[in-house]
Every structure is written in structure tokens, then in C-alpha cells.
Amino acid sequence: MKRKLGNSLEVAPIGLGCMGLSFAYGPASRKQDGVNLIRKAYELGVTFFDSAEAYGPFANEELLGEATAPF
């Protein structure tokens, strides 16, 4: 199942909030653990990942970029 976001972008109805991977809930996760989690979520159908420059700063986007580069 997909939902339309804006005019044409389709995303899964359930997203993955990535803040806890690099910020806020105790120490940051190991980078490879975050990459593995994001890739597994994608394999399971997640296509909406929430990130912000404040989660690091910029570390969260870099992690998300590395994890999603293959797709």
C-alpha cells in the first residue's frame, strides 16, 4: 500500500523516524547498525524516512544517505 505525498511522490504509510540513530536517546547507535536498520526497513517496504539537520548536526542525513545509496 502506498500513500501520495504532495502531487506525485508515493511513500509507504508507515515511516521510520531516524532521530534516535544519531541523536537524543542516549549515545548514538553504531553507524553500521543504523545502516543495517534502514536497509532492512526498506526491504520490508518502508519508503519514508524522517530526518533533520538538527540530529547531529548533519550526521543523520549522512547516515541515511549512505544507507539508501544502493536504492
N, C-alpha and C. Protein backbone atom coordinates (compact mmCIF):
# COMPACT_ATOMS: atom_id res chain seq x y z
N MET A 1 0.84 -1.16 0.00
CA MET A 1 0.00 0.00 0.00
C MET A 1 0.90 1.24 0.00
N LYS A 2 0.54 2.22 -0.77
CA LYS A 2 1.30 3.47 -0.85
C LYS A 2 0.34 4.64 -0.61
N ARG A 3 0.90 5.74 -0.17
CA ARG A 3 0.15 6.99 0.02
C ARG A 3 0.83 8.07 -0.80
N LYS A 4 0.03 8.97 -1.36
CA LYS A 4 0.59 10.06 -2.14
C LYS A 4 1.03 11.17 -1.19
N LEU A 5 2.25 11.63 -1.37
CA LEU A 5 2.81 12.73 -0.60
C LEU A 5 3.04 13.87 -1.58
N GLY A 6 2.30 14.94 -1.42
CA GLY A 6 2.37 16.03 -2.39
C GLY A 6 1.59 15.66 -3.64
N ASN A 7 2.11 16.05 -4.80
CA ASN A 7 1.40 15.81 -6.06
C ASN A 7 1.65 14.45 -6.67
N SER A 8 2.85 13.89 -6.49
CA SER A 8 3.13 12.66 -7.21
C SER A 8 3.99 11.64 -6.46
N LEU A 9 4.65 12.04 -5.40
CA LEU A 9 5.53 11.12 -4.68
C LEU A 9 4.70 10.12 -3.89
N GLU A 10 4.98 8.85 -4.05
CA GLU A 10 4.27 7.81 -3.30
C GLU A 10 5.21 7.21 -2.27
N VAL A 11 4.71 7.10 -1.04
CA VAL A 11 5.50 6.56 0.07
C VAL A 11 4.67 5.53 0.82
N ALA A 12 5.36 4.70 1.60
CA ALA A 12 4.67 3.75 2.46
C ALA A 12 3.90 4.52 3.54
N PRO A 13 2.78 3.98 4.02
CA PRO A 13 2.00 4.69 5.04
C PRO A 13 2.69 4.71 6.41
N ILE A 14 3.69 3.88 6.61
CA ILE A 14 4.45 3.88 7.85
C ILE A 14 5.89 4.25 7.52
N GLY A 15 6.41 5.22 8.25
CA GLY A 15 7.78 5.67 8.02
C GLY A 15 8.68 5.28 9.17
N LEU A 16 9.96 5.56 9.01
CA LEU A 16 10.95 5.30 10.05
C LEU A 16 11.54 6.63 10.48
N GLY A 17 11.34 6.97 11.74
CA GLY A 17 11.97 8.16 12.31
C GLY A 17 13.42 7.84 12.64
N CYS A 18 14.34 8.59 12.10
CA CYS A 18 15.77 8.26 12.22
C CYS A 18 16.50 9.04 13.31
N MET A 19 15.80 9.89 14.06
CA MET A 19 16.47 10.72 15.06
C MET A 19 17.29 9.90 16.05
N GLY A 20 16.73 8.83 16.56
CA GLY A 20 17.40 8.04 17.57
C GLY A 20 18.65 7.32 17.09
N LEU A 21 18.89 7.31 15.80
CA LEU A 21 20.08 6.64 15.28
C LEU A 21 21.35 7.46 15.50
N SER A 22 21.21 8.78 15.63
CA SER A 22 22.40 9.61 15.79
C SER A 22 22.28 10.67 16.88
N PHE A 23 21.13 10.72 17.58
CA PHE A 23 20.89 11.85 18.47
C PHE A 23 19.76 11.53 19.44
N ALA A 24 19.81 12.10 20.61
CA ALA A 24 18.70 12.24 21.55
C ALA A 24 18.47 11.11 22.54
N TYR A 25 18.39 9.88 22.14
CA TYR A 25 18.03 8.80 23.06
C TYR A 25 19.27 8.07 23.54
N GLY A 26 20.07 8.73 24.34
CA GLY A 26 21.32 8.13 24.78
C GLY A 26 22.39 8.27 23.72
N PRO A 27 23.45 7.48 23.83
CA PRO A 27 24.53 7.59 22.84
C PRO A 27 24.05 7.16 21.45
N ALA A 28 24.68 7.72 20.45
CA ALA A 28 24.34 7.36 19.06
C ALA A 28 24.60 5.88 18.83
N SER A 29 23.80 5.30 17.94
CA SER A 29 23.99 3.90 17.54
C SER A 29 25.30 3.77 16.77
N ARG A 30 25.82 2.55 16.71
CA ARG A 30 26.95 2.32 15.82
C ARG A 30 26.48 2.56 14.40
N LYS A 31 27.32 3.18 13.60
CA LYS A 31 26.95 3.56 12.24
C LYS A 31 26.45 2.37 11.44
N GLN A 32 27.15 1.25 11.48
CA GLN A 32 26.75 0.09 10.69
C GLN A 32 25.40 -0.46 11.15
N ASP A 33 25.11 -0.38 12.44
CA ASP A 33 23.80 -0.81 12.93
C ASP A 33 22.69 0.05 12.34
N GLY A 34 22.93 1.36 12.26
CA GLY A 34 21.95 2.26 11.66
C GLY A 34 21.74 1.96 10.19
N VAL A 35 22.83 1.75 9.47
CA VAL A 35 22.75 1.42 8.04
C VAL A 35 21.96 0.12 7.86
N ASN A 36 22.26 -0.88 8.66
CA ASN A 36 21.55 -2.16 8.55
C ASN A 36 20.06 -2.00 8.85
N LEU A 37 19.73 -1.21 9.87
CA LEU A 37 18.33 -0.99 10.23
C LEU A 37 17.56 -0.32 9.09
N ILE A 38 18.14 0.72 8.53
CA ILE A 38 17.49 1.45 7.44
C ILE A 38 17.31 0.54 6.22
N ARG A 39 18.32 -0.23 5.89
CA ARG A 39 18.21 -1.13 4.72
C ARG A 39 17.17 -2.22 4.96
N LYS A 40 17.09 -2.74 6.18
CA LYS A 40 16.08 -3.76 6.49
C LYS A 40 14.69 -3.16 6.41
N ALA A 41 14.53 -1.94 6.92
CA ALA A 41 13.23 -1.27 6.83
C ALA A 41 12.81 -1.12 5.37
N TYR A 42 13.75 -0.75 4.51
CA TYR A 42 13.45 -0.61 3.09
C TYR A 42 13.04 -1.95 2.48
N GLU A 43 13.76 -3.01 2.84
CA GLU A 43 13.41 -4.36 2.35
C GLU A 43 11.99 -4.73 2.76
N LEU A 44 11.55 -4.25 3.91
CA LEU A 44 10.22 -4.57 4.42
C LEU A 44 9.15 -3.60 3.93
N GLY A 45 9.52 -2.67 3.04
CA GLY A 45 8.53 -1.81 2.41
C GLY A 45 8.50 -0.37 2.87
N VAL A 46 9.35 0.02 3.81
CA VAL A 46 9.38 1.41 4.26
C VAL A 46 10.07 2.25 3.20
N THR A 47 9.39 3.31 2.77
CA THR A 47 9.98 4.22 1.78
C THR A 47 9.94 5.67 2.26
N PHE A 48 9.54 5.89 3.51
CA PHE A 48 9.51 7.23 4.09
C PHE A 48 10.41 7.24 5.31
N PHE A 49 11.48 8.01 5.25
CA PHE A 49 12.45 8.11 6.34
C PHE A 49 12.50 9.55 6.80
N ASP A 50 12.26 9.77 8.09
CA ASP A 50 12.27 11.12 8.65
C ASP A 50 13.64 11.46 9.21
N SER A 51 14.18 12.59 8.78
CA SER A 51 15.49 13.04 9.25
C SER A 51 15.48 14.56 9.33
N ALA A 52 16.47 15.13 10.00
CA ALA A 52 16.61 16.59 10.07
C ALA A 52 18.07 16.93 10.34
N GLU A 53 18.48 18.10 9.89
CA GLU A 53 19.87 18.51 10.08
C GLU A 53 20.22 18.68 11.55
N ALA A 54 19.23 18.88 12.39
CA ALA A 54 19.48 19.07 13.82
C ALA A 54 19.90 17.78 14.52
N TYR A 55 19.69 16.63 13.91
CA TYR A 55 20.03 15.36 14.53
C TYR A 55 21.51 15.04 14.31
N GLY A 56 22.37 15.85 14.80
CA GLY A 56 23.77 15.51 14.59
C GLY A 56 24.74 16.62 14.92
N PRO A 57 24.83 17.72 14.26
CA PRO A 57 24.14 18.10 13.03
C PRO A 57 24.73 17.41 11.79
N PHE A 58 23.88 17.13 10.88
CA PHE A 58 24.16 16.53 9.57
C PHE A 58 24.55 15.05 9.61
N ALA A 59 24.88 14.53 10.75
CA ALA A 59 25.27 13.12 10.85
C ALA A 59 24.12 12.21 10.43
N ASN A 60 22.89 12.60 10.76
CA ASN A 60 21.73 11.77 10.45
C ASN A 60 21.51 11.69 8.94
N GLU A 61 21.62 12.81 8.25
CA GLU A 61 21.45 12.79 6.80
C GLU A 61 22.55 11.99 6.12
N GLU A 62 23.77 12.11 6.63
CA GLU A 62 24.87 11.34 6.04
C GLU A 62 24.66 9.84 6.24
N LEU A 63 24.18 9.45 7.41
CA LEU A 63 23.87 8.05 7.68
C LEU A 63 22.77 7.57 6.74
N LEU A 64 21.70 8.34 6.63
CA LEU A 64 20.59 7.97 5.76
C LEU A 64 21.03 7.91 4.30
N GLY A 65 21.86 8.85 3.88
CA GLY A 65 22.37 8.85 2.51
C GLY A 65 23.20 7.61 2.20
N GLU A 66 24.07 7.25 3.13
CA GLU A 66 24.89 6.05 2.93
C GLU A 66 24.02 4.80 2.87
N ALA A 67 23.05 4.72 3.77
CA ALA A 67 22.20 3.53 3.84
C ALA A 67 21.32 3.38 2.60
N THR A 68 20.84 4.48 2.05
CA THR A 68 19.92 4.41 0.92
C THR A 68 20.61 4.52 -0.44
N ALA A 69 21.91 4.73 -0.46
CA ALA A 69 22.63 4.87 -1.74
C ALA A 69 22.39 3.70 -2.70
N PRO A 70 22.33 2.44 -2.22
CA PRO A 70 22.11 1.34 -3.15
C PRO A 70 20.73 1.34 -3.82
N PHE A 71 19.76 1.99 -3.25
CA PHE A 71 18.45 2.01 -3.88
C PHE A 71 18.10 3.40 -4.27
